[in-house]
């Protein structure tokens, strides 16, 4: 599989602005470490945050050192990892405003080897604040590159961006910083329509901001095997997208829905539930796909 295999259509759509100057270079000593994935879909309620939290936990459980960067002003990833708003003394807002290095904004969670750069409501206004900055699309890329300037801190092997449910400057920053995009897709009627929009945005970011950006894969979420529509959506997405779709399908699961209210990933809340087991399988599949992407 290669990053050119899944191209998006080129008709007009949400704009990824052309850069006003050359994007910053990745550090020479870090060609592929950490691996940086943006978890993105402009539709809300498709399982982005649930995927970020549980995928991060699953990767940490198999020995990876993971940083989740919460770029959603709602801060659901932060809440879902048990970080209350009162304890978010530093946030991704501070990072985007160049007020703090990303490594210092990152804080430990209850999951060993899993760290979080939390979100606050300040992110609601950050687009307006950086809109006229020449490097507005690359501020998070610079922040991720600076992780290598903190040798005393955690040495992350994965950085996961939990993007907001819109194709705004926060999402563009995440994609411009990432090696690949992971797209959660709910098994519902309008799934393919939403998928075409996110793939188009990835293609626009690739053309204008990040030529190495790949589609890592599409994960089907909230699947209900008793529902004929869910079955049809899975069939349609696999027909249209082929190998881009992960084999693992995340089921609709009550325990996954309950876990955030307890400030825990589902994998900690109930390891044996169907949803937790599915995310563990997804983490294993992502590691396998990583080998293919890195070898391409």
Protein backbone atom coordinates (compact mmCIF):
# COMPACT_ATOMS: atom_id res chain seq x y z
CA UNK A 1 0.00 0.00 0.00
CA UNK A 2 1.29 3.48 -0.81
CA UNK A 3 0.25 6.98 0.03
CA UNK A 4 -0.75 7.58 -3.59
CA UNK A 5 -3.18 4.70 -3.78
CA UNK A 6 -6.22 6.47 -2.40
CA UNK A 7 -6.56 9.78 -4.22
CA UNK A 8 -9.47 12.11 -3.57
CA UNK A 9 -11.50 13.82 -6.29
CA UNK A 10 -10.37 17.28 -7.30
CA UNK A 11 -13.69 19.16 -7.45
CA UNK A 12 -14.12 22.21 -5.24
CA UNK A 13 -14.61 21.88 -1.51
CA UNK A 14 -13.27 23.11 1.85
CA UNK A 15 -10.13 25.09 1.21
CA UNK A 16 -6.66 24.23 2.43
CA UNK A 17 -4.96 27.58 1.95
CA UNK A 18 -1.80 27.76 -0.08
CA UNK A 19 1.25 28.45 2.09
CA UNK A 20 2.66 31.95 2.13
CA UNK A 21 6.18 30.58 2.57
CA UNK A 22 8.00 27.26 2.52
CA UNK A 23 6.79 24.84 5.21
CA UNK A 24 9.32 24.09 7.97
CA UNK A 25 11.50 21.06 7.39
CA UNK A 26 11.26 17.95 9.54
CA UNK A 27 14.35 17.46 11.70
CA UNK A 28 16.98 15.42 9.86
CA UNK A 29 17.36 13.06 12.82
CA UNK A 30 13.62 12.27 12.83
CA UNK A 31 12.56 10.98 9.40
CA UNK A 32 9.69 8.87 10.75
CA UNK A 33 9.75 9.09 14.56
CA UNK A 34 7.35 9.73 16.08
CA UNK A 35 4.71 8.55 13.65
CA UNK A 36 2.06 11.24 13.47
CA UNK A 37 -1.55 10.42 12.63
CA UNK A 38 -4.49 12.80 12.31
CA UNK A 39 -7.84 11.25 13.23
CA UNK A 40 -10.23 13.33 11.18
CA UNK A 41 -13.71 13.53 9.72
CA UNK A 42 -15.73 16.71 9.26
CA UNK A 43 -18.88 14.92 10.48
CA UNK A 44 -19.59 14.87 14.20
CA UNK A 45 -20.57 11.76 16.11
CA UNK A 46 -18.59 9.30 13.98
CA UNK A 47 -16.25 8.13 16.74
CA UNK A 48 -13.15 10.32 16.24
CA UNK A 49 -12.56 10.97 19.91
CA UNK A 50 -13.47 7.44 20.95
CA UNK A 51 -11.02 6.14 18.36
CA UNK A 52 -8.26 8.52 19.47
CA UNK A 53 -8.63 7.57 23.14
CA UNK A 54 -8.92 3.83 22.69
CA UNK A 55 -6.40 3.52 19.88
CA UNK A 56 -3.91 5.52 21.95
CA UNK A 57 -4.58 3.28 24.94
CA UNK A 58 -4.23 0.12 22.86
CA UNK A 59 -0.93 1.32 21.35
CA UNK A 60 0.36 2.17 24.83
CA UNK A 61 -0.71 -1.28 26.05
CA UNK A 62 1.52 -2.95 23.47
CA UNK A 63 4.53 -0.85 24.44
CA UNK A 64 4.30 2.32 22.35
CA UNK A 65 4.76 5.77 23.91
CA UNK A 66 1.77 7.81 22.73
CA UNK A 67 0.80 11.48 22.84
CA UNK A 68 -2.82 12.43 22.10
CA UNK A 69 -3.12 16.06 21.00
CA UNK A 70 -6.66 17.31 21.64
CA UNK A 71 -7.47 19.92 18.97
CA UNK A 72 -11.23 19.93 19.52
CA UNK A 73 -12.44 22.97 21.53
CA UNK A 74 -15.06 20.70 23.12
CA UNK A 75 -12.20 18.85 24.81
CA UNK A 76 -13.92 15.47 24.81
CA UNK A 77 -10.66 13.54 24.49
CA UNK A 78 -9.35 15.35 27.56
CA UNK A 79 -12.52 14.59 29.53
CA UNK A 80 -12.56 11.00 28.32
CA UNK A 81 -9.04 10.51 29.69
CA UNK A 82 -10.06 11.83 33.09
CA UNK A 83 -8.50 15.31 32.86
CA UNK A 84 -10.99 17.77 34.33
CA UNK A 85 -11.15 21.31 32.95
CA UNK A 86 -9.82 22.74 36.22
CA UNK A 87 -6.66 20.67 35.79
CA UNK A 88 -5.93 21.83 32.23
CA UNK A 89 -3.43 24.50 33.24
CA UNK A 90 -1.75 24.33 29.83
CA UNK A 91 -3.39 23.39 26.56
CA UNK A 92 -3.03 23.07 22.82
CA UNK A 93 -4.10 26.72 22.61
CA UNK A 94 -0.86 27.69 24.36
CA UNK A 95 1.06 25.51 21.92
CA UNK A 96 -0.56 27.04 18.82
CA UNK A 97 0.09 30.53 20.17
CA UNK A 98 3.78 29.73 20.71
CA UNK A 99 3.38 30.28 24.43
CA UNK A 100 4.52 26.79 25.40
CA UNK A 101 6.36 23.84 23.80
CA UNK A 102 4.21 20.81 23.08
CA UNK A 103 6.34 18.66 25.38
CA UNK A 104 5.53 20.93 28.33
CA UNK A 105 1.80 20.98 27.55
CA UNK A 106 1.72 17.17 27.55
CA UNK A 107 0.66 15.56 30.80
CA UNK A 108 0.50 12.01 32.03
CA UNK A 109 -2.76 10.10 32.09
CA UNK A 110 -3.86 7.12 34.15
CA UNK A 111 -2.67 4.89 31.30
CA UNK A 112 1.07 4.10 31.43
CA UNK A 113 2.95 5.49 28.40
CA UNK A 114 -0.10 7.52 27.29
CA UNK A 115 0.16 11.32 27.47
CA UNK A 116 -2.30 14.07 26.62
CA UNK A 117 -1.98 17.65 25.42
CA UNK A 118 -5.42 18.83 26.56
CA UNK A 119 -7.86 21.21 24.95
CA UNK A 120 -9.64 24.22 26.43
CA UNK A 121 -12.38 26.50 25.15
CA UNK A 122 -9.67 29.02 24.20
CA UNK A 123 -9.32 27.01 20.98
CA UNK A 124 -12.65 28.47 19.84
CA UNK A 125 -10.93 31.73 19.00
CA UNK A 126 -7.55 30.52 17.86
CA UNK A 127 -8.47 30.50 14.16
CA UNK A 128 -9.13 34.23 14.21
CA UNK A 129 -6.00 34.89 16.24
CA UNK A 130 -3.64 33.10 13.85
CA UNK A 131 -5.54 33.71 10.58
CA UNK A 132 -3.12 36.44 9.44
CA UNK A 133 0.06 34.69 10.56
CA UNK A 134 2.23 33.60 7.60
CA UNK A 135 2.75 30.19 9.19
CA UNK A 136 -0.88 29.71 10.22
CA UNK A 137 -1.09 26.22 8.68
CA UNK A 138 2.24 25.02 10.09
CA UNK A 139 2.17 26.07 13.72
CA UNK A 140 1.44 22.58 14.98
CA UNK A 141 4.07 21.10 12.67
CA UNK A 142 6.67 23.33 14.31
CA UNK A 143 5.37 22.26 17.73
CA UNK A 144 5.65 18.55 16.90
CA UNK A 145 9.17 19.04 15.52
CA UNK A 146 10.14 20.70 18.80
CA UNK A 147 9.46 17.44 20.67
CA UNK A 148 12.97 16.42 19.66
CA UNK A 149 14.36 19.40 21.55
CA UNK A 150 13.18 17.89 24.85
CA UNK A 151 15.46 14.87 25.36
CA UNK A 152 14.62 14.73 29.06
CA UNK A 153 10.89 14.29 28.36
CA UNK A 154 9.01 11.27 27.02
CA UNK A 155 10.23 10.04 23.64
CA UNK A 156 6.96 9.49 21.82
CA UNK A 157 6.63 6.84 19.13
CA UNK A 158 3.12 7.96 18.15
CA UNK A 159 1.36 11.32 18.12
CA UNK A 160 -2.40 11.18 17.51
CA UNK A 161 -4.36 14.34 16.67
CA UNK A 162 -8.00 14.32 17.74
CA UNK A 163 -9.42 16.80 15.22
CA UNK A 164 -12.60 18.87 15.58
CA UNK A 165 -15.75 17.90 13.62
CA UNK A 166 -15.10 20.46 10.90
CA UNK A 167 -12.56 21.14 8.17
CA UNK A 168 -11.16 24.29 9.74
CA UNK A 169 -7.68 25.65 10.39
CA UNK A 170 -7.21 23.35 13.39
CA UNK A 171 -7.81 20.29 11.20
CA UNK A 172 -5.57 21.74 8.49
CA UNK A 173 -2.81 22.22 11.08
CA UNK A 174 -3.15 18.59 12.13
CA UNK A 175 -3.02 17.31 8.55
CA UNK A 176 -0.09 19.56 7.66
CA UNK A 177 1.78 18.03 10.62
CA UNK A 178 0.93 14.39 10.01
CA UNK A 179 2.36 11.47 8.11
CA UNK A 180 -1.10 10.03 7.53
CA UNK A 181 -4.82 10.48 8.20
CA UNK A 182 -7.04 7.90 9.87
CA UNK A 183 -10.72 8.38 9.02
CA UNK A 184 -13.42 7.02 11.36
CA UNK A 185 -16.60 6.40 9.39
CA UNK A 186 -19.95 5.67 11.01
CA UNK A 187 -22.01 2.92 9.43
CA UNK A 188 -24.87 5.19 8.39
CA UNK A 189 -26.65 6.30 5.22
CA UNK A 190 -24.57 9.41 4.45
CA UNK A 191 -21.22 7.75 5.12
CA UNK A 192 -19.90 7.79 1.55
CA UNK A 193 -20.94 11.41 1.00
CA UNK A 194 -18.98 12.52 4.06
CA UNK A 195 -16.06 10.31 3.08
CA UNK A 196 -15.67 12.03 -0.30
CA UNK A 197 -15.36 15.41 1.45
CA UNK A 198 -12.63 14.33 3.85
CA UNK A 199 -10.69 12.59 1.08
CA UNK A 200 -10.90 15.72 -1.03
CA UNK A 201 -9.53 17.78 1.84
CA UNK A 202 -6.65 15.35 2.31
CA UNK A 203 -5.82 15.72 -1.39
CA UNK A 204 -5.90 19.53 -1.17
CA UNK A 205 -3.61 19.49 1.88
CA UNK A 206 -1.30 17.11 0.05
CA UNK A 207 -1.12 19.42 -2.97
CA UNK A 208 -0.67 22.66 -1.06
CA UNK A 209 0.81 21.96 2.36
CA UNK A 210 2.06 18.42 2.95
CA UNK A 211 2.96 16.41 -0.17
CA UNK A 212 3.82 13.29 1.86
CA UNK A 213 0.41 13.05 3.54
CA UNK A 214 -1.17 9.60 3.15
CA UNK A 215 -4.51 8.02 3.90
CA UNK A 216 -3.57 5.55 6.60
CA UNK A 217 -6.97 3.88 6.54
CA UNK A 218 -10.70 4.08 7.11
CA UNK A 219 -12.13 2.50 10.24
CA UNK A 220 -15.84 1.64 10.21
CA UNK A 221 -17.43 2.52 13.55
CA UNK A 222 -20.75 2.02 15.35
CA UNK A 223 -21.49 -1.13 13.37
CA UNK A 224 -24.68 -3.00 14.26
CA UNK A 225 -24.79 -6.45 12.70
CA UNK A 226 -28.55 -6.64 13.28
CA UNK A 227 -29.09 -3.62 11.05
CA UNK A 228 -29.26 -4.22 7.29
CA UNK A 229 -28.24 -0.62 6.64
CA UNK A 230 -24.99 -1.11 8.58
CA UNK A 231 -24.24 -4.19 6.54
CA UNK A 232 -24.92 -2.30 3.31
CA UNK A 233 -22.68 0.62 4.30
CA UNK A 234 -19.80 -1.76 5.07
CA UNK A 235 -20.24 -3.41 1.69
CA UNK A 236 -20.43 -0.10 -0.17
CA UNK A 237 -17.38 1.42 1.55
CA UNK A 238 -15.29 -1.70 0.97
CA UNK A 239 -16.39 -1.77 -2.69
CA UNK A 240 -15.43 1.87 -3.26
CA UNK A 241 -12.28 2.05 -1.10
CA UNK A 242 -10.89 -1.48 -1.18
CA UNK A 243 -7.77 -2.02 0.90
CA UNK A 244 -7.97 1.47 2.37
CA UNK A 245 -10.61 0.12 4.77
CA UNK A 246 -9.27 -1.65 7.86
CA UNK A 247 -10.42 -5.22 8.36
CA UNK A 248 -11.38 -4.38 11.94
CA UNK A 249 -14.89 -2.98 12.38
CA UNK A 250 -15.78 -1.21 15.65
CA UNK A 251 -19.20 -2.38 16.90
CA UNK A 252 -21.85 -0.24 18.50
CA UNK A 253 -21.23 -1.03 22.17
CA UNK A 254 -22.80 0.24 25.39
CA UNK A 255 -19.56 -0.06 27.36
CA UNK A 256 -17.75 2.20 24.89
CA UNK A 257 -20.49 4.80 25.38
CA UNK A 258 -20.32 4.53 29.18
CA UNK A 259 -16.55 4.76 29.55
CA UNK A 260 -16.09 8.55 28.96
CA UNK A 261 -18.49 9.39 31.80
CA UNK A 262 -16.04 7.59 34.10
CA UNK A 263 -13.04 9.41 32.64
CA UNK A 264 -11.58 6.18 31.28
CA UNK A 265 -10.87 4.63 27.90
CA UNK A 266 -13.17 1.69 27.22
CA UNK A 267 -10.11 -0.58 27.34
CA UNK A 268 -9.62 0.35 31.00
CA UNK A 269 -13.30 0.49 31.80
CA UNK A 270 -14.08 -2.98 30.43
CA UNK A 271 -11.25 -4.78 28.69
CA UNK A 272 -13.39 -7.75 27.72
CA UNK A 273 -16.24 -5.90 26.04
CA UNK A 274 -16.61 -6.21 22.27
CA UNK A 275 -15.60 -2.58 21.67
CA UNK A 276 -12.36 -2.82 23.65
CA UNK A 277 -11.37 -6.02 21.91
CA UNK A 278 -12.06 -4.40 18.54
CA UNK A 279 -9.76 -1.46 19.34
CA UNK A 280 -7.00 -3.83 20.39
CA UNK A 281 -7.34 -5.58 17.03
CA UNK A 282 -7.33 -2.21 15.26
CA UNK A 283 -4.07 -1.23 17.01
CA UNK A 284 -2.48 -4.47 15.85
CA UNK A 285 -3.70 -3.87 12.30
CA UNK A 286 -2.38 -0.30 12.35
CA UNK A 287 1.06 -1.51 13.42
CA UNK A 288 1.04 -3.96 10.50
CA UNK A 289 -0.05 -1.25 8.09
CA UNK A 290 2.64 1.06 9.47
CA UNK A 291 5.29 -1.35 8.27
CA UNK A 292 3.85 -1.16 4.76
CA UNK A 293 3.60 2.64 4.79
CA UNK A 294 7.11 3.12 6.17
CA UNK A 295 8.52 0.71 3.59
CA UNK A 296 6.79 2.50 0.70
